[in-house]
PDB file of all heavy atoms in Angstrom:
ATOM      1  N   SER A   1     108.218 -66.852  -6.941  1.00  0.00           N
ATOM      2  CA  SER A   1     109.263 -67.859  -6.793  1.00  0.00           C
ATOM      3  C   SER A   1     108.717 -69.267  -6.588  1.00  0.00           C
ATOM      4  O   SER A   1     109.477 -70.221  -6.449  1.00  0.00           O
ATOM      5  CB  SER A   1     110.187 -67.498  -5.633  1.00  0.00           C
ATOM      6  OG  SER A   1     109.492 -67.560  -4.402  1.00  0.00           O
ATOM      7  N   TYR A   2     107.388 -69.405  -6.577  1.00  0.00           N
ATOM      8  CA  TYR A   2     106.754 -70.690  -6.321  1.00  0.00           C
ATOM      9  C   TYR A   2     106.314 -71.370  -7.611  1.00  0.00           C
ATOM     10  O   TYR A   2     105.641 -70.754  -8.444  1.00  0.00           O
ATOM     11  CB  TYR A   2     105.509 -70.508  -5.462  1.00  0.00           C
ATOM     12  CG  TYR A   2     105.761 -70.162  -4.019  1.00  0.00           C
ATOM     13  CD1 TYR A   2     106.187 -68.886  -3.652  1.00  0.00           C
ATOM     14  CD2 TYR A   2     105.562 -71.094  -3.024  1.00  0.00           C
ATOM     15  CE1 TYR A   2     106.414 -68.567  -2.331  1.00  0.00           C
ATOM     16  CE2 TYR A   2     105.773 -70.779  -1.698  1.00  0.00           C
ATOM     17  CZ  TYR A   2     106.200 -69.517  -1.353  1.00  0.00           C
ATOM     18  OH  TYR A   2     106.415 -69.215  -0.045  1.00  0.00           O
ATOM     19  N   ALA A   3     106.658 -72.637  -7.751  1.00  0.00           N
ATOM     20  CA  ALA A   3     105.977 -73.450  -8.747  1.00  0.00           C
ATOM     21  C   ALA A   3     104.572 -73.718  -8.214  1.00  0.00           C
ATOM     22  O   ALA A   3     104.375 -73.845  -7.005  1.00  0.00           O
ATOM     23  CB  ALA A   3     106.725 -74.751  -8.975  1.00  0.00           C
ATOM     24  N   MET A   4     103.600 -73.789  -9.097  1.00  0.00           N
ATOM     25  CA  MET A   4     102.206 -73.939  -8.691  1.00  0.00           C
ATOM     26  C   MET A   4     101.578 -75.148  -9.351  1.00  0.00           C
ATOM     27  O   MET A   4     101.963 -75.543 -10.467  1.00  0.00           O
ATOM     28  CB  MET A   4     101.418 -72.683  -9.067  1.00  0.00           C
ATOM     29  CG  MET A   4     101.913 -71.400  -8.433  1.00  0.00           C
ATOM     30  SD  MET A   4     101.723 -71.382  -6.636  1.00  0.00           S
ATOM     31  CE  MET A   4      99.925 -71.403  -6.494  1.00  0.00           C
ATOM     32  N   GLY A   5     100.593 -75.690  -8.684  1.00  0.00           N
ATOM     33  CA  GLY A   5      99.896 -76.841  -9.239  1.00  0.00           C
ATOM     34  C   GLY A   5      98.410 -76.777  -8.941  1.00  0.00           C
ATOM     35  O   GLY A   5      97.978 -76.069  -8.030  1.00  0.00           O
ATOM     36  N   TRP A   6      97.651 -77.487  -9.756  1.00  0.00           N
ATOM     37  CA  TRP A   6      96.236 -77.703  -9.511  1.00  0.00           C
ATOM     38  C   TRP A   6      96.017 -79.212  -9.315  1.00  0.00           C
ATOM     39  O   TRP A   6      96.566 -80.030 -10.067  1.00  0.00           O
ATOM     40  CB  TRP A   6      95.388 -77.222 -10.685  1.00  0.00           C
ATOM     41  CG  TRP A   6      95.224 -75.741 -10.773  1.00  0.00           C
ATOM     42  CD1 TRP A   6      95.950 -74.873 -11.539  1.00  0.00           C
ATOM     43  CD2 TRP A   6      94.270 -74.950 -10.066  1.00  0.00           C
ATOM     44  NE1 TRP A   6      95.507 -73.586 -11.349  1.00  0.00           N
ATOM     45  CE2 TRP A   6      94.472 -73.602 -10.459  1.00  0.00           C
ATOM     46  CE3 TRP A   6      93.250 -75.227  -9.154  1.00  0.00           C
ATOM     47  CZ2 TRP A   6      93.702 -72.544  -9.959  1.00  0.00           C
ATOM     48  CZ3 TRP A   6      92.493 -74.186  -8.662  1.00  0.00           C
ATOM     49  CH2 TRP A   6      92.719 -72.862  -9.068  1.00  0.00           C
ATOM     50  N   PHE A   7      95.204 -79.513  -8.336  1.00  0.00           N
ATOM     51  CA  PHE A   7      94.810 -80.884  -8.053  1.00  0.00           C
ATOM     52  C   PHE A   7      93.293 -80.931  -7.936  1.00  0.00           C
ATOM     53  O   PHE A   7      92.646 -79.894  -7.821  1.00  0.00           O
ATOM     54  CB  PHE A   7      95.432 -81.364  -6.735  1.00  0.00           C
ATOM     55  CG  PHE A   7      96.923 -81.543  -6.803  1.00  0.00           C
ATOM     56  CD1 PHE A   7      97.770 -80.449  -6.762  1.00  0.00           C
ATOM     57  CD2 PHE A   7      97.481 -82.806  -6.896  1.00  0.00           C
ATOM     58  CE1 PHE A   7      99.150 -80.603  -6.828  1.00  0.00           C
ATOM     59  CE2 PHE A   7      98.851 -82.980  -6.964  1.00  0.00           C
ATOM     60  CZ  PHE A   7      99.683 -81.878  -6.927  1.00  0.00           C
ATOM     61  N   ARG A   8      92.744 -82.134  -7.964  1.00  0.00           N
ATOM     62  CA  ARG A   8      91.302 -82.270  -7.760  1.00  0.00           C
ATOM     63  C   ARG A   8      91.010 -83.550  -7.006  1.00  0.00           C
ATOM     64  O   ARG A   8      91.792 -84.509  -7.040  1.00  0.00           O
ATOM     65  CB  ARG A   8      90.557 -82.251  -9.094  1.00  0.00           C
ATOM     66  CG  ARG A   8      90.840 -83.437 -10.002  1.00  0.00           C
ATOM     67  CD  ARG A   8      90.166 -83.226 -11.361  1.00  0.00           C
ATOM     68  NE  ARG A   8      90.371 -84.357 -12.258  1.00  0.00           N
ATOM     69  CZ  ARG A   8      89.993 -84.379 -13.529  1.00  0.00           C
ATOM     70  NH1 ARG A   8      89.374 -83.322 -14.061  1.00  0.00           N
ATOM     71  NH2 ARG A   8      90.216 -85.448 -14.277  1.00  0.00           N
ATOM     72  N   GLN A   9      89.874 -83.536  -6.331  1.00  0.00           N
ATOM     73  CA  GLN A   9      89.446 -84.707  -5.582  1.00  0.00           C
ATOM     74  C   GLN A   9      87.951 -84.899  -5.746  1.00  0.00           C
ATOM     75  O   GLN A   9      87.170 -84.024  -5.356  1.00  0.00           O
ATOM     76  CB  GLN A   9      89.817 -84.589  -4.099  1.00  0.00           C
ATOM     77  CG  GLN A   9      89.555 -85.858  -3.307  1.00  0.00           C
ATOM     78  CD  GLN A   9      90.204 -85.825  -1.942  1.00  0.00           C
ATOM     79  OE1 GLN A   9      90.562 -84.770  -1.417  1.00  0.00           O
ATOM     80  NE2 GLN A   9      90.381 -87.001  -1.340  1.00  0.00           N
ATOM     81  N   ALA A  10      87.585 -86.015  -6.339  1.00  0.00           N
ATOM     82  CA  ALA A  10      86.184 -86.368  -6.508  1.00  0.00           C
ATOM     83  C   ALA A  10      85.723 -87.176  -5.299  1.00  0.00           C
ATOM     84  O   ALA A  10      86.539 -87.796  -4.611  1.00  0.00           O
ATOM     85  CB  ALA A  10      86.002 -87.172  -7.789  1.00  0.00           C
ATOM     86  N   PRO A  11      84.419 -87.199  -5.040  1.00  0.00           N
ATOM     87  CA  PRO A  11      83.909 -87.957  -3.898  1.00  0.00           C
ATOM     88  C   PRO A  11      84.330 -89.426  -3.951  1.00  0.00           C
ATOM     89  O   PRO A  11      84.190 -90.085  -4.980  1.00  0.00           O
ATOM     90  CB  PRO A  11      82.390 -87.821  -4.031  1.00  0.00           C
ATOM     91  CG  PRO A  11      82.204 -86.549  -4.785  1.00  0.00           C
ATOM     92  CD  PRO A  11      83.351 -86.466  -5.735  1.00  0.00           C
ATOM     93  N   GLY A  12      84.880 -89.912  -2.848  1.00  0.00           N
ATOM     94  CA  GLY A  12      85.283 -91.302  -2.767  1.00  0.00           C
ATOM     95  C   GLY A  12      86.579 -91.640  -3.476  1.00  0.00           C
ATOM     96  O   GLY A  12      86.948 -92.812  -3.547  1.00  0.00           O
ATOM     97  N   LYS A  13      87.244 -90.619  -4.011  1.00  0.00           N
ATOM     98  CA  LYS A  13      88.497 -90.863  -4.733  1.00  0.00           C
ATOM     99  C   LYS A  13      89.649 -90.108  -4.091  1.00  0.00           C
ATOM    100  O   LYS A  13      89.443 -89.156  -3.338  1.00  0.00           O
ATOM    101  CB  LYS A  13      88.354 -90.454  -6.196  1.00  0.00           C
ATOM    102  CG  LYS A  13      87.346 -91.287  -6.982  1.00  0.00           C
ATOM    103  CD  LYS A  13      87.386 -90.939  -8.451  1.00  0.00           C
ATOM    104  CE  LYS A  13      86.433 -91.831  -9.245  1.00  0.00           C
ATOM    105  NZ  LYS A  13      86.492 -91.522 -10.702  1.00  0.00           N
ATOM    106  N   GLU A  14      90.850 -90.526  -4.428  1.00  0.00           N
ATOM    107  CA  GLU A  14      92.022 -89.838  -3.915  1.00  0.00           C
ATOM    108  C   GLU A  14      92.264 -88.541  -4.690  1.00  0.00           C
ATOM    109  O   GLU A  14      91.824 -88.390  -5.825  1.00  0.00           O
ATOM    110  CB  GLU A  14      93.262 -90.746  -4.025  1.00  0.00           C
ATOM    111  CG  GLU A  14      93.205 -91.972  -3.140  1.00  0.00           C
ATOM    112  CD  GLU A  14      94.496 -92.758  -3.163  1.00  0.00           C
ATOM    113  OE1 GLU A  14      95.376 -92.434  -3.986  1.00  0.00           O
ATOM    114  OE2 GLU A  14      94.623 -93.703  -2.367  1.00  0.00           O
ATOM    115  N   ARG A  15      92.979 -87.627  -4.047  1.00  0.00           N
ATOM    116  CA  ARG A  15      93.344 -86.391  -4.718  1.00  0.00           C
ATOM    117  C   ARG A  15      94.277 -86.723  -5.875  1.00  0.00           C
ATOM    118  O   ARG A  15      95.207 -87.517  -5.732  1.00  0.00           O
ATOM    119  CB  ARG A  15      94.029 -85.443  -3.734  1.00  0.00           C
ATOM    120  CG  ARG A  15      94.275 -84.061  -4.279  1.00  0.00           C
ATOM    121  CD  ARG A  15      94.758 -83.118  -3.185  1.00  0.00           C
ATOM    122  NE  ARG A  15      93.760 -82.978  -2.111  1.00  0.00           N
ATOM    123  CZ  ARG A  15      93.852 -82.079  -1.138  1.00  0.00           C
ATOM    124  NH1 ARG A  15      94.883 -81.236  -1.117  1.00  0.00           N
ATOM    125  NH2 ARG A  15      92.938 -82.024  -0.205  1.00  0.00           N
ATOM    126  N   GLU A  16      94.041 -86.094  -7.026  1.00  0.00           N
ATOM    127  CA  GLU A  16      94.860 -86.377  -8.187  1.00  0.00           C
ATOM    128  C   GLU A  16      95.407 -85.094  -8.798  1.00  0.00           C
ATOM    129  O   GLU A  16      94.785 -84.036  -8.739  1.00  0.00           O
ATOM    130  CB  GLU A  16      94.065 -87.153  -9.247  1.00  0.00           C
ATOM    131  CG  GLU A  16      92.929 -86.402  -9.875  1.00  0.00           C
ATOM    132  CD  GLU A  16      92.287 -87.153 -11.035  1.00  0.00           C
ATOM    133  OE1 GLU A  16      92.814 -88.214 -11.432  1.00  0.00           O
ATOM    134  OE2 GLU A  16      91.274 -86.668 -11.560  1.00  0.00           O
ATOM    135  N   PHE A  17      96.558 -85.233  -9.395  1.00  0.00           N
ATOM    136  CA  PHE A  17      97.222 -84.126 -10.070  1.00  0.00           C
ATOM    137  C   PHE A  17      96.459 -83.741 -11.325  1.00  0.00           C
ATOM    138  O   PHE A  17      95.970 -84.606 -12.059  1.00  0.00           O
ATOM    139  CB  PHE A  17      98.649 -84.546 -10.427  1.00  0.00           C
ATOM    140  CG  PHE A  17      99.359 -83.586 -11.334  1.00  0.00           C
ATOM    141  CD1 PHE A  17      99.949 -82.445 -10.827  1.00  0.00           C
ATOM    142  CD2 PHE A  17      99.426 -83.829 -12.696  1.00  0.00           C
ATOM    143  CE1 PHE A  17     100.607 -81.565 -11.667  1.00  0.00           C
ATOM    144  CE2 PHE A  17     100.075 -82.958 -13.538  1.00  0.00           C
ATOM    145  CZ  PHE A  17     100.676 -81.819 -13.026  1.00  0.00           C
ATOM    146  N   VAL A  18      96.391 -82.427 -11.582  1.00  0.00           N
ATOM    147  CA  VAL A  18      95.743 -81.928 -12.795  1.00  0.00           C
ATOM    148  C   VAL A  18      96.749 -81.209 -13.693  1.00  0.00           C
ATOM    149  O   VAL A  18      96.885 -81.536 -14.873  1.00  0.00           O
ATOM    150  CB  VAL A  18      94.586 -80.972 -12.451  1.00  0.00           C
ATOM    151  CG1 VAL A  18      93.993 -80.363 -13.724  1.00  0.00           C
ATOM    152  CG2 VAL A  18      93.508 -81.697 -11.649  1.00  0.00           C
ATOM    153  N   ALA A  19      97.447 -80.220 -13.142  1.00  0.00           N
ATOM    154  CA  ALA A  19      98.369 -79.422 -13.957  1.00  0.00           C
ATOM    155  C   ALA A  19      99.370 -78.723 -13.053  1.00  0.00           C
ATOM    156  O   ALA A  19      99.100 -78.499 -11.874  1.00  0.00           O
ATOM    157  CB  ALA A  19      97.600 -78.389 -14.788  1.00  0.00           C
ATOM    158  N   ALA A  20     100.516 -78.368 -13.633  1.00  0.00           N
ATOM    159  CA  ALA A  20     101.542 -77.648 -12.889  1.00  0.00           C
ATOM    160  C   ALA A  20     102.193 -76.630 -13.797  1.00  0.00           C
ATOM    161  O   ALA A  20     102.207 -76.774 -15.030  1.00  0.00           O
ATOM    162  CB  ALA A  20     102.593 -78.609 -12.345  1.00  0.00           C
ATOM    163  N   ILE A  21     102.771 -75.605 -13.167  1.00  0.00           N
ATOM    164  CA  ILE A  21     103.454 -74.552 -13.912  1.00  0.00           C
ATOM    165  C   ILE A  21     104.663 -74.088 -13.111  1.00  0.00           C
ATOM    166  O   ILE A  21     104.611 -73.985 -11.888  1.00  0.00           O
ATOM    167  CB  ILE A  21     102.486 -73.384 -14.215  1.00  0.00           C
ATOM    168  CG1 ILE A  21     103.111 -72.366 -15.171  1.00  0.00           C
ATOM    169  CG2 ILE A  21     101.992 -72.720 -12.928  1.00  0.00           C
ATOM    170  CD1 ILE A  21     102.086 -71.369 -15.726  1.00  0.00           C
ATOM    171  N   SER A  22     105.754 -73.829 -13.802  1.00  0.00           N
ATOM    172  CA  SER A  22     106.960 -73.345 -13.141  1.00  0.00           C
ATOM    173  C   SER A  22     106.771 -71.903 -12.676  1.00  0.00           C
ATOM    174  O   SER A  22     105.839 -71.212 -13.109  1.00  0.00           O
ATOM    175  CB  SER A  22     108.148 -73.435 -14.088  1.00  0.00           C
ATOM    176  OG  SER A  22     107.938 -72.587 -15.221  1.00  0.00           O
ATOM    177  N   TRP A  23     107.682 -71.425 -11.836  1.00  0.00           N
ATOM    178  CA  TRP A  23     107.518 -70.071 -11.315  1.00  0.00           C
ATOM    179  C   TRP A  23     107.593 -69.026 -12.419  1.00  0.00           C
ATOM    180  O   TRP A  23     106.968 -67.977 -12.346  1.00  0.00           O
ATOM    181  CB  TRP A  23     108.537 -69.749 -10.215  1.00  0.00           C
ATOM    182  CG  TRP A  23     109.986 -69.682 -10.633  1.00  0.00           C
ATOM    183  CD1 TRP A  23     110.935 -70.653 -10.456  1.00  0.00           C
ATOM    184  CD2 TRP A  23     110.664 -68.592 -11.273  1.00  0.00           C
ATOM    185  NE1 TRP A  23     112.151 -70.241 -10.950  1.00  0.00           N
ATOM    186  CE2 TRP A  23     112.020 -68.971 -11.448  1.00  0.00           C
ATOM    187  CE3 TRP A  23     110.279 -67.333 -11.706  1.00  0.00           C
ATOM    188  CZ2 TRP A  23     112.957 -68.145 -12.037  1.00  0.00           C
ATOM    189  CZ3 TRP A  23     111.225 -66.494 -12.303  1.00  0.00           C
ATOM    190  CH2 TRP A  23     112.540 -66.906 -12.468  1.00  0.00           C
ATOM    191  N   SER A  24     108.342 -69.316 -13.470  1.00  0.00           N
ATOM    192  CA  SER A  24     108.478 -68.369 -14.575  1.00  0.00           C
ATOM    193  C   SER A  24     107.321 -68.458 -15.557  1.00  0.00           C
ATOM    194  O   SER A  24     107.159 -67.560 -16.395  1.00  0.00           O
ATOM    195  CB  SER A  24     109.768 -68.662 -15.327  1.00  0.00           C
ATOM    196  OG  SER A  24     109.687 -69.929 -15.960  1.00  0.00           O
ATOM    197  N   GLY A  25     106.572 -69.551 -15.489  1.00  0.00           N
ATOM    198  CA  GLY A  25     105.520 -69.777 -16.474  1.00  0.00           C
ATOM    199  C   GLY A  25     106.031 -70.426 -17.748  1.00  0.00           C
ATOM    200  O   GLY A  25     105.247 -70.708 -18.650  1.00  0.00           O
ATOM    201  N   CYS A  26     107.339 -70.678 -17.816  1.00  0.00           N
ATOM    202  CA  CYS A  26     107.931 -71.242 -19.032  1.00  0.00           C
ATOM    203  C   CYS A  26     107.597 -72.703 -19.241  1.00  0.00           C
ATOM    204  O   CYS A  26     107.613 -73.200 -20.373  1.00  0.00           O
ATOM    205  CB  CYS A  26     109.447 -71.071 -18.996  1.00  0.00           C
ATOM    206  SG  CYS A  26     110.003 -69.372 -19.136  1.00  0.00           S
ATOM    207  N   SER A  27     107.341 -73.404 -18.147  1.00  0.00           N
ATOM    208  CA  SER A  27     107.061 -74.843 -18.242  1.00  0.00           C
ATOM    209  C   SER A  27     105.706 -75.155 -17.656  1.00  0.00           C
ATOM    210  O   SER A  27     105.350 -74.643 -16.587  1.00  0.00           O
ATOM    211  CB  SER A  27     108.123 -75.642 -17.488  1.00  0.00           C
ATOM    212  OG  SER A  27     109.370 -75.565 -18.121  1.00  0.00           O
ATOM    213  N   THR A  28     104.975 -76.009 -18.349  1.00  0.00           N
ATOM    214  CA  THR A  28     103.697 -76.496 -17.856  1.00  0.00           C
ATOM    215  C   THR A  28     103.615 -77.999 -18.090  1.00  0.00           C
ATOM    216  O   THR A  28     104.322 -78.552 -18.952  1.00  0.00           O
ATOM    217  CB  THR A  28     102.505 -75.823 -18.553  1.00  0.00           C
ATOM    218  OG1 THR A  28     102.616 -76.043 -19.969  1.00  0.00           O
ATOM    219  CG2 THR A  28     102.477 -74.323 -18.282  1.00  0.00           C
TER     220      THR A  28
END
C-alpha cells in the first residue's frame, strides 16, 4: 500500500530525488 521512492545524497550536497513508483507499480 506504500508508494516508494529512491533518493541519493552525495558528499557536501543535499539529498535529491532519484525515482518513485506507485504502490501498484503502474506509475513511475
